[in-house]
Amino acid sequence: MAVQATQDFGEIQSPKRVNEFRRFLKVFFGRPVVVIGLVIIAVLLICAVIPSVLAPHDPTAQNLRNTLAQPNSTNILGTDSLGRDLFSRIIYGARTAVIVGFSALIMSSVLGMTLGLMAGYFGKLAYTIIMRFIDALMAFPALLLTLTIVALLGGGMHMVIIALG
């Protein structure tokens, strides 16, 4: 006699496919520090893009009768020694900070990728020369090196961007 094995396993289902990007977003934005940081960056970028709409006063207008005033309803953060509104100056200063930061970031990224590609493409001699140059730069503290480069090149926002980059 022949025995028939009839086991019913049912329909085998494959595991549900997880969308890794959605999982990343859920974990990433589930952290309060990340959300707070993104809000701060968004506020900074908004201040940099439209400072004239957000600033209540002209940041360069002097009012010598209102010097070093405490925070009040007119001047949210008070005034400086020349009577200029500190809140307006901070909002307008965000533009400079964003321009310098992004420009230095782009410049250093392009320079780093170029040197990395050259080291990888040309091989051992180019790699050795580039690495010794970078090691010499890394031997100095970053702030001291930046200040030295700015002092040698001269002042101005462009020279600060070059030195930071």
C-alpha atoms as a PDB file:
ATOM      1  CA  MET A   1       0.000   0.000   0.000  1.00  0.00           C
ATOM      2  CA  ALA A   2       1.108   3.398  -0.817  1.00  0.00           C
ATOM      3  CA  VAL A   3       0.957   6.043   1.866  1.00  0.00           C
ATOM      4  CA  GLN A   4       0.123   9.513   0.718  1.00  0.00           C
ATOM      5  CA  ALA A   5       1.623  12.331   2.707  1.00  0.00           C
ATOM      6  CA  THR A   6      -0.785  15.173   2.646  1.00  0.00           C
ATOM      7  CA  GLN A   7       0.465  17.965   4.819  1.00  0.00           C
ATOM      8  CA  ASP A   8      -1.202  21.277   4.340  1.00  0.00           C
ATOM      9  CA  PHE A   9       1.274  24.054   4.939  1.00  0.00           C
ATOM     10  CA  GLY A  10      -1.090  26.670   3.675  1.00  0.00           C
ATOM     11  CA  GLU A  11       0.062  29.485   1.510  1.00  0.00           C
ATOM     12  CA  ILE A  12       3.629  30.443   2.305  1.00  0.00           C
ATOM     13  CA  GLN A  13       3.979  34.168   2.386  1.00  0.00           C
ATOM     14  CA  SER A  14       7.216  36.001   1.956  1.00  0.00           C
ATOM     15  CA  PRO A  15       8.149  38.495   4.653  1.00  0.00           C
ATOM     16  CA  LYS A  16       6.781  41.955   4.146  1.00  0.00           C
ATOM     17  CA  ARG A  17       9.262  44.112   2.301  1.00  0.00           C
ATOM     18  CA  VAL A  18      10.493  46.980   4.432  1.00  0.00           C
ATOM     19  CA  ASN A  19      11.025  50.298   2.757  1.00  0.00           C
ATOM     20  CA  GLU A  20      14.429  51.235   4.131  1.00  0.00           C
ATOM     21  CA  PHE A  21      14.036  54.934   3.356  1.00  0.00           C
ATOM     22  CA  ARG A  22      10.761  55.137   5.300  1.00  0.00           C
ATOM     23  CA  ARG A  23      12.352  53.236   8.163  1.00  0.00           C
ATOM     24  CA  PHE A  24      15.294  55.648   8.149  1.00  0.00           C
ATOM     25  CA  LEU A  25      12.967  58.678   8.188  1.00  0.00           C
ATOM     26  CA  LYS A  26      10.944  57.213  11.053  1.00  0.00           C
ATOM     27  CA  VAL A  27      14.034  56.565  13.169  1.00  0.00           C
ATOM     28  CA  PHE A  28      15.749  59.816  12.171  1.00  0.00           C
ATOM     29  CA  PHE A  29      12.801  62.105  12.858  1.00  0.00           C
ATOM     30  CA  GLY A  30      11.837  60.124  15.951  1.00  0.00           C
ATOM     31  CA  ARG A  31      14.733  61.692  17.818  1.00  0.00           C
ATOM     32  CA  PRO A  32      13.954  65.022  19.488  1.00  0.00           C
ATOM     33  CA  VAL A  33      17.498  66.334  19.054  1.00  0.00           C
ATOM     34  CA  VAL A  34      17.243  65.930  15.283  1.00  0.00           C
ATOM     35  CA  VAL A  35      13.897  67.715  15.119  1.00  0.00           C
ATOM     36  CA  ILE A  36      15.147  70.603  17.279  1.00  0.00           C
ATOM     37  CA  GLY A  37      18.286  70.907  15.160  1.00  0.00           C
ATOM     38  CA  LEU A  38      16.287  70.977  11.931  1.00  0.00           C
ATOM     39  CA  VAL A  39      14.008  73.683  13.343  1.00  0.00           C
ATOM     40  CA  ILE A  40      17.022  75.800  14.286  1.00  0.00           C
ATOM     41  CA  ILE A  41      18.549  75.359  10.821  1.00  0.00           C
ATOM     42  CA  ALA A  42      15.222  76.215   9.167  1.00  0.00           C
ATOM     43  CA  VAL A  43      14.887  79.403  11.241  1.00  0.00           C
ATOM     44  CA  LEU A  44      18.473  80.368  10.383  1.00  0.00           C
ATOM     45  CA  LEU A  45      17.853  79.823   6.665  1.00  0.00           C
ATOM     46  CA  ILE A  46      14.608  81.804   6.762  1.00  0.00           C
ATOM     47  CA  CYS A  47      16.414  84.662   8.519  1.00  0.00           C
ATOM     48  CA  ALA A  48      19.151  84.539   5.884  1.00  0.00           C
ATOM     49  CA  VAL A  49      16.731  84.582   2.945  1.00  0.00           C
ATOM     50  CA  ILE A  50      14.283  87.278   4.061  1.00  0.00           C
ATOM     51  CA  PRO A  51      15.902  89.408   6.794  1.00  0.00           C
ATOM     52  CA  SER A  52      14.171  92.620   5.746  1.00  0.00           C
ATOM     53  CA  VAL A  53      10.753  91.078   6.437  1.00  0.00           C
ATOM     54  CA  LEU A  54      11.689  89.692   9.865  1.00  0.00           C
ATOM     55  CA  ALA A  55      13.885  92.491  11.246  1.00  0.00           C
ATOM     56  CA  PRO A  56      11.897  95.205  13.048  1.00  0.00           C
ATOM     57  CA  HIS A  57      14.586  97.903  12.599  1.00  0.00           C
ATOM     58  CA  ASP A  58      17.405  98.868  10.264  1.00  0.00           C
ATOM     59  CA  PRO A  59      20.502  97.068  11.607  1.00  0.00           C
ATOM     60  CA  THR A  60      22.823  99.981  10.824  1.00  0.00           C
ATOM     61  CA  ALA A  61      20.605 102.831  12.052  1.00  0.00           C
ATOM     62  CA  GLN A  62      22.145 104.490  15.095  1.00  0.00           C
ATOM     63  CA  ASN A  63      20.180 106.048  17.934  1.00  0.00           C
ATOM     64  CA  LEU A  64      22.692 107.546  20.352  1.00  0.00           C
ATOM     65  CA  ARG A  65      19.935 108.475  22.796  1.00  0.00           C
ATOM     66  CA  ASN A  66      19.095 104.787  23.197  1.00  0.00           C
ATOM     67  CA  THR A  67      22.535 103.249  23.807  1.00  0.00           C
ATOM     68  CA  LEU A  68      22.916 100.003  25.768  1.00  0.00           C
ATOM     69  CA  ALA A  69      19.178  99.818  26.403  1.00  0.00           C
ATOM     70  CA  GLN A  70      17.742  96.806  28.171  1.00  0.00           C
ATOM     71  CA  PRO A  71      15.356  94.541  26.257  1.00  0.00           C
ATOM     72  CA  ASN A  72      11.946  96.183  25.903  1.00  0.00           C
ATOM     73  CA  SER A  73       8.908  96.130  23.637  1.00  0.00           C
ATOM     74  CA  THR A  74      10.664  98.202  20.949  1.00  0.00           C
ATOM     75  CA  ASN A  75      14.049  96.469  21.067  1.00  0.00           C
ATOM     76  CA  ILE A  76      13.506  92.780  21.810  1.00  0.00           C
ATOM     77  CA  LEU A  77      17.155  92.085  22.703  1.00  0.00           C
ATOM     78  CA  GLY A  78      18.117  95.654  23.596  1.00  0.00           C
ATOM     79  CA  THR A  79      20.629  97.900  21.824  1.00  0.00           C
ATOM     80  CA  ASP A  80      24.407  98.096  21.513  1.00  0.00           C
ATOM     81  CA  SER A  81      26.769 100.955  22.387  1.00  0.00           C
ATOM     82  CA  LEU A  82      25.672 102.908  19.299  1.00  0.00           C
ATOM     83  CA  GLY A  83      21.956 102.373  19.843  1.00  0.00           C
ATOM     84  CA  ARG A  84      21.513  99.789  17.082  1.00  0.00           C
ATOM     85  CA  ASP A  85      18.886  97.082  17.572  1.00  0.00           C
ATOM     86  CA  LEU A  86      20.605  93.787  18.442  1.00  0.00           C
ATOM     87  CA  PHE A  87      17.762  91.556  17.228  1.00  0.00           C
ATOM     88  CA  SER A  88      17.872  93.149  13.766  1.00  0.00           C
ATOM     89  CA  ARG A  89      21.650  92.859  13.638  1.00  0.00           C
ATOM     90  CA  ILE A  90      21.470  89.152  14.511  1.00  0.00           C
ATOM     91  CA  ILE A  91      18.873  88.508  11.801  1.00  0.00           C
ATOM     92  CA  TYR A  92      20.915  90.319   9.163  1.00  0.00           C
ATOM     93  CA  GLY A  93      24.076  88.577  10.392  1.00  0.00           C
ATOM     94  CA  ALA A  94      22.509  85.206   9.609  1.00  0.00           C
ATOM     95  CA  ARG A  95      22.870  85.952   5.891  1.00  0.00           C
ATOM     96  CA  THR A  96      26.627  86.412   6.203  1.00  0.00           C
ATOM     97  CA  ALA A  97      26.976  83.296   8.349  1.00  0.00           C
ATOM     98  CA  VAL A  98      25.033  81.157   5.860  1.00  0.00           C
ATOM     99  CA  ILE A  99      26.940  82.518   2.849  1.00  0.00           C
ATOM    100  CA  VAL A 100      30.333  81.950   4.477  1.00  0.00           C
ATOM    101  CA  GLY A 101      29.370  78.509   5.797  1.00  0.00           C
ATOM    102  CA  PHE A 102      27.928  77.116   2.568  1.00  0.00           C
ATOM    103  CA  SER A 103      30.654  78.646   0.396  1.00  0.00           C
ATOM    104  CA  ALA A 104      33.417  77.173   2.571  1.00  0.00           C
ATOM    105  CA  LEU A 105      31.611  73.823   2.591  1.00  0.00           C
ATOM    106  CA  ILE A 106      31.301  73.718  -1.192  1.00  0.00           C
ATOM    107  CA  MET A 107      34.885  74.865  -1.700  1.00  0.00           C
ATOM    108  CA  SER A 108      36.350  72.315   0.724  1.00  0.00           C
ATOM    109  CA  SER A 109      34.199  69.521  -0.735  1.00  0.00           C
ATOM    110  CA  VAL A 110      35.302  70.235  -4.299  1.00  0.00           C
ATOM    111  CA  LEU A 111      38.950  70.544  -3.268  1.00  0.00           C
ATOM    112  CA  GLY A 112      38.806  67.357  -1.177  1.00  0.00           C
ATOM    113  CA  MET A 113      37.128  65.335  -3.925  1.00  0.00           C
ATOM    114  CA  THR A 114      39.627  66.610  -6.488  1.00  0.00           C
ATOM    115  CA  LEU A 115      42.621  65.691  -4.328  1.00  0.00           C
ATOM    116  CA  GLY A 116      41.086  62.300  -3.492  1.00  0.00           C
ATOM    117  CA  LEU A 117      40.418  61.519  -7.137  1.00  0.00           C
ATOM    118  CA  MET A 118      43.942  62.585  -8.097  1.00  0.00           C
ATOM    119  CA  ALA A 119      45.448  60.414  -5.359  1.00  0.00           C
ATOM    120  CA  GLY A 120      43.373  57.427  -6.423  1.00  0.00           C
ATOM    121  CA  TYR A 121      43.912  57.841 -10.157  1.00  0.00           C
ATOM    122  CA  PHE A 122      47.624  58.658 -10.288  1.00  0.00           C
ATOM    123  CA  GLY A 123      48.677  56.157  -7.667  1.00  0.00           C
ATOM    124  CA  LYS A 124      51.373  55.931  -5.077  1.00  0.00           C
ATOM    125  CA  LEU A 125      53.529  58.998  -5.821  1.00  0.00           C
ATOM    126  CA  ALA A 126      50.608  61.421  -6.055  1.00  0.00           C
ATOM    127  CA  TYR A 127      48.985  59.806  -3.009  1.00  0.00           C
ATOM    128  CA  THR A 128      52.184  60.197  -0.987  1.00  0.00           C
ATOM    129  CA  ILE A 129      52.669  63.849  -1.959  1.00  0.00           C
ATOM    130  CA  ILE A 130      49.035  64.761  -1.259  1.00  0.00           C
ATOM    131  CA  MET A 131      49.021  62.937   2.071  1.00  0.00           C
ATOM    132  CA  ARG A 132      52.249  64.586   3.253  1.00  0.00           C
ATOM    133  CA  PHE A 133      50.794  68.008   2.353  1.00  0.00           C
ATOM    134  CA  ILE A 134      47.567  67.267   4.232  1.00  0.00           C
ATOM    135  CA  ASP A 135      49.524  65.899   7.206  1.00  0.00           C
ATOM    136  CA  ALA A 136      51.504  69.154   7.333  1.00  0.00           C
ATOM    137  CA  LEU A 137      48.276  71.177   7.287  1.00  0.00           C
ATOM    138  CA  MET A 138      46.713  69.001   9.998  1.00  0.00           C
ATOM    139  CA  ALA A 139      49.744  69.555  12.259  1.00  0.00           C
ATOM    140  CA  PHE A 140      48.582  73.136  12.885  1.00  0.00           C
ATOM    141  CA  PRO A 141      45.489  74.013  14.903  1.00  0.00           C
ATOM    142  CA  ALA A 142      42.638  74.836  12.501  1.00  0.00           C
ATOM    143  CA  LEU A 143      41.867  78.271  13.935  1.00  0.00           C
ATOM    144  CA  LEU A 144      45.525  79.315  13.941  1.00  0.00           C
ATOM    145  CA  LEU A 145      45.942  78.159  10.345  1.00  0.00           C
ATOM    146  CA  THR A 146      42.773  79.994   9.261  1.00  0.00           C
ATOM    147  CA  LEU A 147      43.851  83.233  10.945  1.00  0.00           C
ATOM    148  CA  THR A 148      47.303  82.963   9.382  1.00  0.00           C
ATOM    149  CA  ILE A 149      45.844  82.498   5.898  1.00  0.00           C
ATOM    150  CA  VAL A 150      43.466  85.442   6.374  1.00  0.00           C
ATOM    151  CA  ALA A 151      46.353  87.607   7.614  1.00  0.00           C
ATOM    152  CA  LEU A 152      48.478  86.684   4.596  1.00  0.00           C
ATOM    153  CA  LEU A 153      45.703  87.086   2.000  1.00  0.00           C
ATOM    154  CA  GLY A 154      44.080  90.182   3.518  1.00  0.00           C
ATOM    155  CA  GLY A 155      40.678  90.831   5.031  1.00  0.00           C
ATOM    156  CA  GLY A 156      37.227  90.490   3.568  1.00  0.00           C
ATOM    157  CA  MET A 157      34.557  87.851   3.352  1.00  0.00           C
ATOM    158  CA  HIS A 158      36.064  86.224   0.240  1.00  0.00           C
ATOM    159  CA  MET A 159      39.395  85.668   1.972  1.00  0.00           C
ATOM    160  CA  VAL A 160      37.666  84.202   5.035  1.00  0.00           C
ATOM    161  CA  ILE A 161      35.802  81.776   2.749  1.00  0.00           C
ATOM    162  CA  ILE A 162      39.066  80.760   1.063  1.00  0.00           C
ATOM    163  CA  ALA A 163      40.822  80.314   4.402  1.00  0.00           C
ATOM    164  CA  LEU A 164      37.980  78.225   5.852  1.00  0.00           C
ATOM    165  CA  GLY A 165      37.673  76.177   2.664  1.00  0.00           C
END
